[in-house]
Amino acid sequence: MSDLSEAIVVTLVGMGLIFASLGLLMLIMVALDRVFRPRKPLVHGHGGENGLDALNVAVAEPTEREDEVAAAIVVALEVLAERQRAAPRTTVLTPTDSGSAWRAAGRVL
């Protein structure tokens, strides 16, 4: 074989191995995605009076603990809003041309 044909064979074998390994990696990722995918809740469909199917999803009633957590979140948000309303306004002070002595000396910052 000539040098050019050997180079082409090595290139094709290398590219083939790379694409084969990428394909294998893709199959492994798809399999792991299917194994560890979170399950969706069951949805029951029924026919409506207009002939269209409507989704009927059961919703659990909130527990007392969830009500307490929601109330705590509301209180925390109100406290944060009150603090932001009471926060003093800040102003940014910019220095005036205090570098005139440096400019006079020829040293521009």
N, C-alpha and C. Protein backbone atom coordinates (compact mmCIF):
# COMPACT_ATOMS: atom_id res chain seq x y z
N MET A 1 0.83 -1.17 0.00
CA MET A 1 0.00 0.00 0.00
C MET A 1 0.88 1.24 0.00
N SER A 2 0.35 2.22 -0.64
CA SER A 2 1.10 3.46 -0.64
C SER A 2 0.81 4.24 0.65
N ASP A 3 1.59 5.25 0.87
CA ASP A 3 1.42 6.05 2.09
C ASP A 3 0.06 6.73 2.13
N LEU A 4 -0.41 7.19 0.97
CA LEU A 4 -1.70 7.87 0.93
C LEU A 4 -2.83 6.91 1.26
N SER A 5 -2.81 5.72 0.73
CA SER A 5 -3.88 4.76 1.01
C SER A 5 -3.86 4.33 2.48
N GLU A 6 -2.66 4.18 3.06
CA GLU A 6 -2.57 3.85 4.48
C GLU A 6 -3.13 4.98 5.33
N ALA A 7 -2.85 6.21 4.95
CA ALA A 7 -3.38 7.36 5.70
C ALA A 7 -4.89 7.40 5.62
N ILE A 8 -5.46 7.11 4.45
CA ILE A 8 -6.91 7.11 4.30
C ILE A 8 -7.53 6.00 5.14
N VAL A 9 -6.91 4.80 5.15
CA VAL A 9 -7.43 3.68 5.94
C VAL A 9 -7.39 4.02 7.43
N VAL A 10 -6.28 4.57 7.88
CA VAL A 10 -6.16 4.94 9.30
C VAL A 10 -7.19 6.00 9.66
N THR A 11 -7.40 6.97 8.77
CA THR A 11 -8.40 8.02 9.02
C THR A 11 -9.80 7.43 9.10
N LEU A 12 -10.15 6.56 8.17
CA LEU A 12 -11.49 5.95 8.17
C LEU A 12 -11.70 5.07 9.38
N VAL A 13 -10.68 4.29 9.76
CA VAL A 13 -10.81 3.44 10.94
C VAL A 13 -10.97 4.31 12.20
N GLY A 14 -10.20 5.37 12.29
CA GLY A 14 -10.32 6.27 13.44
C GLY A 14 -11.68 6.94 13.51
N MET A 15 -12.16 7.42 12.38
CA MET A 15 -13.48 8.06 12.36
C MET A 15 -14.56 7.04 12.68
N GLY A 16 -14.43 5.84 12.17
CA GLY A 16 -15.41 4.79 12.46
C GLY A 16 -15.46 4.45 13.94
N LEU A 17 -14.29 4.36 14.56
CA LEU A 17 -14.25 4.06 15.99
C LEU A 17 -14.86 5.20 16.81
N ILE A 18 -14.57 6.43 16.41
CA ILE A 18 -15.14 7.58 17.13
C ILE A 18 -16.66 7.58 17.03
N PHE A 19 -17.20 7.40 15.82
CA PHE A 19 -18.65 7.41 15.67
C PHE A 19 -19.30 6.21 16.34
N ALA A 20 -18.63 5.07 16.33
CA ALA A 20 -19.17 3.90 17.03
C ALA A 20 -19.20 4.14 18.53
N SER A 21 -18.15 4.74 19.07
CA SER A 21 -18.15 5.01 20.51
C SER A 21 -19.18 6.07 20.87
N LEU A 22 -19.37 7.07 20.01
CA LEU A 22 -20.41 8.08 20.26
C LEU A 22 -21.81 7.45 20.21
N GLY A 23 -22.03 6.54 19.27
CA GLY A 23 -23.31 5.85 19.20
C GLY A 23 -23.56 4.99 20.43
N LEU A 24 -22.53 4.29 20.90
CA LEU A 24 -22.65 3.49 22.11
C LEU A 24 -22.95 4.38 23.32
N LEU A 25 -22.27 5.51 23.41
CA LEU A 25 -22.51 6.44 24.50
C LEU A 25 -23.94 6.98 24.45
N MET A 26 -24.46 7.26 23.25
CA MET A 26 -25.82 7.73 23.12
C MET A 26 -26.81 6.67 23.58
N LEU A 27 -26.59 5.41 23.21
CA LEU A 27 -27.48 4.34 23.63
C LEU A 27 -27.47 4.16 25.15
N ILE A 28 -26.30 4.29 25.75
CA ILE A 28 -26.20 4.19 27.21
C ILE A 28 -26.97 5.33 27.87
N MET A 29 -26.84 6.54 27.32
CA MET A 29 -27.55 7.69 27.90
C MET A 29 -29.06 7.55 27.76
N VAL A 30 -29.53 7.05 26.64
CA VAL A 30 -30.97 6.85 26.44
C VAL A 30 -31.48 5.80 27.41
N ALA A 31 -30.72 4.71 27.58
CA ALA A 31 -31.14 3.66 28.51
C ALA A 31 -31.19 4.19 29.94
N LEU A 32 -30.18 4.96 30.36
CA LEU A 32 -30.18 5.51 31.71
C LEU A 32 -31.30 6.52 31.90
N ASP A 33 -31.62 7.27 30.86
CA ASP A 33 -32.72 8.23 30.95
C ASP A 33 -34.04 7.50 31.15
N ARG A 34 -34.24 6.41 30.46
CA ARG A 34 -35.48 5.66 30.61
C ARG A 34 -35.57 4.97 31.96
N VAL A 35 -34.45 4.55 32.49
CA VAL A 35 -34.47 3.86 33.78
C VAL A 35 -34.75 4.85 34.91
N PHE A 36 -34.12 6.02 34.88
CA PHE A 36 -34.22 6.95 35.99
C PHE A 36 -35.17 8.12 35.75
N ARG A 37 -35.99 8.07 34.73
CA ARG A 37 -36.95 9.14 34.45
C ARG A 37 -38.04 9.14 35.51
N PRO A 38 -38.40 10.32 36.07
CA PRO A 38 -39.47 10.35 37.06
C PRO A 38 -40.80 9.98 36.42
N ARG A 39 -41.61 9.29 37.17
CA ARG A 39 -42.89 8.82 36.63
C ARG A 39 -43.91 9.94 36.64
N LYS A 40 -44.72 10.00 35.60
CA LYS A 40 -45.76 11.01 35.50
C LYS A 40 -47.01 10.50 36.22
N PRO A 41 -47.82 11.43 36.78
CA PRO A 41 -49.04 10.99 37.45
C PRO A 41 -50.03 10.45 36.43
N LEU A 42 -50.87 9.55 36.90
CA LEU A 42 -51.89 8.98 36.02
C LEU A 42 -52.95 10.02 35.72
N VAL A 43 -53.32 10.14 34.47
CA VAL A 43 -54.33 11.10 34.04
C VAL A 43 -55.47 10.31 33.42
N HIS A 44 -56.68 10.59 33.88
CA HIS A 44 -57.86 9.90 33.35
C HIS A 44 -58.63 10.86 32.45
N GLY A 45 -58.98 10.40 31.27
CA GLY A 45 -59.75 11.24 30.35
C GLY A 45 -61.19 10.79 30.30
N HIS A 46 -62.11 11.71 30.13
CA HIS A 46 -63.51 11.39 29.94
C HIS A 46 -64.10 12.34 28.92
N GLY A 47 -65.15 11.89 28.27
CA GLY A 47 -65.77 12.71 27.24
C GLY A 47 -66.62 13.81 27.85
N GLY A 48 -66.49 15.00 27.33
CA GLY A 48 -67.30 16.12 27.81
C GLY A 48 -68.61 16.19 27.05
N GLU A 49 -69.48 17.12 27.45
CA GLU A 49 -70.77 17.21 26.78
C GLU A 49 -70.66 17.75 25.36
N ASN A 50 -69.54 18.45 25.04
CA ASN A 50 -69.37 18.97 23.69
C ASN A 50 -68.60 18.01 22.80
N GLY A 51 -68.35 16.79 23.28
CA GLY A 51 -67.69 15.80 22.46
C GLY A 51 -66.17 15.82 22.57
N LEU A 52 -65.61 16.81 23.26
CA LEU A 52 -64.17 16.88 23.42
C LEU A 52 -63.76 16.16 24.70
N ASP A 53 -62.61 15.54 24.65
CA ASP A 53 -62.10 14.86 25.84
C ASP A 53 -61.46 15.89 26.77
N ALA A 54 -61.84 15.83 28.02
CA ALA A 54 -61.25 16.71 29.03
C ALA A 54 -60.41 15.87 29.97
N LEU A 55 -59.37 16.47 30.49
CA LEU A 55 -58.50 15.75 31.42
C LEU A 55 -59.04 15.92 32.83
N ASN A 56 -59.08 14.81 33.54
CA ASN A 56 -59.55 14.81 34.92
C ASN A 56 -58.40 14.37 35.79
N VAL A 57 -57.78 15.32 36.47
CA VAL A 57 -56.63 15.02 37.32
C VAL A 57 -57.05 15.26 38.76
N ALA A 58 -56.85 14.26 39.58
CA ALA A 58 -57.20 14.38 40.99
C ALA A 58 -56.15 15.23 41.70
N VAL A 59 -56.62 16.20 42.49
CA VAL A 59 -55.73 17.07 43.22
C VAL A 59 -55.92 16.78 44.70
N ALA A 60 -54.82 16.53 45.40
CA ALA A 60 -54.90 16.24 46.82
C ALA A 60 -55.14 17.52 47.59
N GLU A 61 -55.92 17.43 48.65
CA GLU A 61 -56.17 18.58 49.50
C GLU A 61 -54.90 18.90 50.28
N PRO A 62 -54.60 20.19 50.45
CA PRO A 62 -53.39 20.55 51.21
C PRO A 62 -53.53 20.14 52.67
N THR A 63 -52.44 19.67 53.22
CA THR A 63 -52.45 19.26 54.62
C THR A 63 -52.24 20.48 55.51
N GLU A 64 -52.38 20.27 56.81
CA GLU A 64 -52.20 21.37 57.76
C GLU A 64 -50.77 21.87 57.74
N ARG A 65 -49.81 20.94 57.56
CA ARG A 65 -48.40 21.31 57.51
C ARG A 65 -48.13 22.19 56.29
N GLU A 66 -48.72 21.85 55.14
CA GLU A 66 -48.53 22.65 53.93
C GLU A 66 -49.14 24.04 54.11
N ASP A 67 -50.26 24.13 54.82
CA ASP A 67 -50.86 25.44 55.09
C ASP A 67 -49.93 26.29 55.95
N GLU A 68 -49.29 25.66 56.95
CA GLU A 68 -48.36 26.39 57.81
C GLU A 68 -47.15 26.89 57.02
N VAL A 69 -46.63 26.04 56.12
CA VAL A 69 -45.49 26.43 55.31
C VAL A 69 -45.86 27.58 54.38
N ALA A 70 -47.04 27.51 53.79
CA ALA A 70 -47.49 28.59 52.91
C ALA A 70 -47.65 29.89 53.69
N ALA A 71 -48.17 29.82 54.90
CA ALA A 71 -48.33 31.02 55.72
C ALA A 71 -46.97 31.60 56.09
N ALA A 72 -45.99 30.75 56.39
CA ALA A 72 -44.65 31.22 56.73
C ALA A 72 -44.00 31.90 55.53
N ILE A 73 -44.23 31.38 54.35
CA ILE A 73 -43.66 31.99 53.14
C ILE A 73 -44.28 33.37 52.91
N VAL A 74 -45.60 33.47 53.11
CA VAL A 74 -46.27 34.75 52.93
C VAL A 74 -45.74 35.79 53.92
N VAL A 75 -45.55 35.37 55.18
CA VAL A 75 -45.03 36.29 56.19
C VAL A 75 -43.61 36.72 55.83
N ALA A 76 -42.78 35.78 55.39
CA ALA A 76 -41.40 36.13 55.02
C ALA A 76 -41.38 37.10 53.85
N LEU A 77 -42.24 36.92 52.87
CA LEU A 77 -42.29 37.84 51.74
C LEU A 77 -42.77 39.22 52.16
N GLU A 78 -43.72 39.29 53.08
CA GLU A 78 -44.19 40.59 53.56
C GLU A 78 -43.09 41.31 54.35
N VAL A 79 -42.34 40.56 55.17
CA VAL A 79 -41.24 41.17 55.92
C VAL A 79 -40.18 41.70 54.96
N LEU A 80 -39.86 40.93 53.94
CA LEU A 80 -38.88 41.37 52.95
C LEU A 80 -39.36 42.62 52.22
N ALA A 81 -40.62 42.65 51.83
CA ALA A 81 -41.16 43.82 51.14
C ALA A 81 -41.14 45.04 52.05
N GLU A 82 -41.44 44.85 53.34
CA GLU A 82 -41.42 45.98 54.28
C GLU A 82 -40.00 46.50 54.46
N ARG A 83 -39.02 45.61 54.53
CA ARG A 83 -37.63 46.04 54.67
C ARG A 83 -37.16 46.80 53.44
N GLN A 84 -37.60 46.36 52.27
CA GLN A 84 -37.20 47.05 51.05
C GLN A 84 -37.85 48.43 50.97
N ARG A 85 -39.08 48.55 51.47
CA ARG A 85 -39.73 49.86 51.47
C ARG A 85 -39.07 50.80 52.47
N ALA A 86 -38.59 50.26 53.59
CA ALA A 86 -38.00 51.08 54.64
C ALA A 86 -36.51 51.34 54.42
N ALA A 87 -35.91 50.70 53.45
CA ALA A 87 -34.47 50.86 53.22
C ALA A 87 -34.19 52.28 52.73
N PRO A 88 -33.13 52.88 53.26
CA PRO A 88 -32.81 54.25 52.82
C PRO A 88 -32.31 54.25 51.37
N ARG A 89 -32.61 55.32 50.71
CA ARG A 89 -32.13 55.47 49.34
C ARG A 89 -30.64 55.75 49.38
N THR A 90 -29.89 55.10 48.54
CA THR A 90 -28.45 55.32 48.50
C THR A 90 -28.11 56.17 47.29
N THR A 91 -27.12 56.99 47.47
CA THR A 91 -26.63 57.79 46.35
C THR A 91 -25.17 57.50 46.15
N VAL A 92 -24.76 57.48 44.93
CA VAL A 92 -23.37 57.21 44.60
C VAL A 92 -22.67 58.54 44.40
N LEU A 93 -21.62 58.75 45.17
CA LEU A 93 -20.86 59.98 45.05
C LEU A 93 -19.73 59.77 44.05
N THR A 94 -19.61 60.65 43.12
CA THR A 94 -18.51 60.57 42.16
C THR A 94 -17.52 61.69 42.47
N PRO A 95 -16.27 61.36 42.51
CA PRO A 95 -15.29 62.40 42.83
C PRO A 95 -15.20 63.42 41.69
N THR A 96 -14.93 64.63 42.08
CA THR A 96 -14.74 65.67 41.07
C THR A 96 -13.33 65.54 40.51
N ASP A 97 -12.95 66.44 39.69
CA ASP A 97 -11.64 66.38 39.04
C ASP A 97 -10.55 66.67 40.06
N SER A 98 -10.19 65.62 40.84
CA SER A 98 -9.17 65.81 41.86
C SER A 98 -7.79 65.48 41.34
N GLY A 99 -7.70 64.98 40.13
CA GLY A 99 -6.41 64.60 39.59
C GLY A 99 -5.76 65.68 38.76
N SER A 100 -6.14 66.92 38.97
CA SER A 100 -5.58 67.99 38.14
C SER A 100 -4.08 68.18 38.38
N ALA A 101 -3.62 67.93 39.62
CA ALA A 101 -2.18 68.06 39.89
C ALA A 101 -1.40 66.99 39.12
N TRP A 102 -1.95 65.78 39.03
CA TRP A 102 -1.29 64.72 38.28
C TRP A 102 -1.30 65.03 36.78
N ARG A 103 -2.42 65.57 36.34
CA ARG A 103 -2.48 65.92 34.93
C ARG A 103 -1.47 67.03 34.61
N ALA A 104 -1.33 67.95 35.53
CA ALA A 104 -0.36 69.04 35.32
C ALA A 104 1.05 68.48 35.25
N ALA A 105 1.31 67.41 36.00
CA ALA A 105 2.63 66.82 36.00
C ALA A 105 2.79 65.88 34.80
N GLY A 106 1.71 65.65 34.06
CA GLY A 106 1.81 64.79 32.88
C GLY A 106 1.58 63.32 33.16
N ARG A 107 1.05 63.00 34.30
CA ARG A 107 0.79 61.61 34.66
C ARG A 107 -0.72 61.39 34.66
N VAL A 108 -1.28 61.02 33.55
CA VAL A 108 -2.71 60.81 33.43
C VAL A 108 -3.03 59.41 33.89
N LEU A 109 -4.02 59.32 34.77
CA LEU A 109 -4.41 58.00 35.26
C LEU A 109 -5.36 57.40 34.34
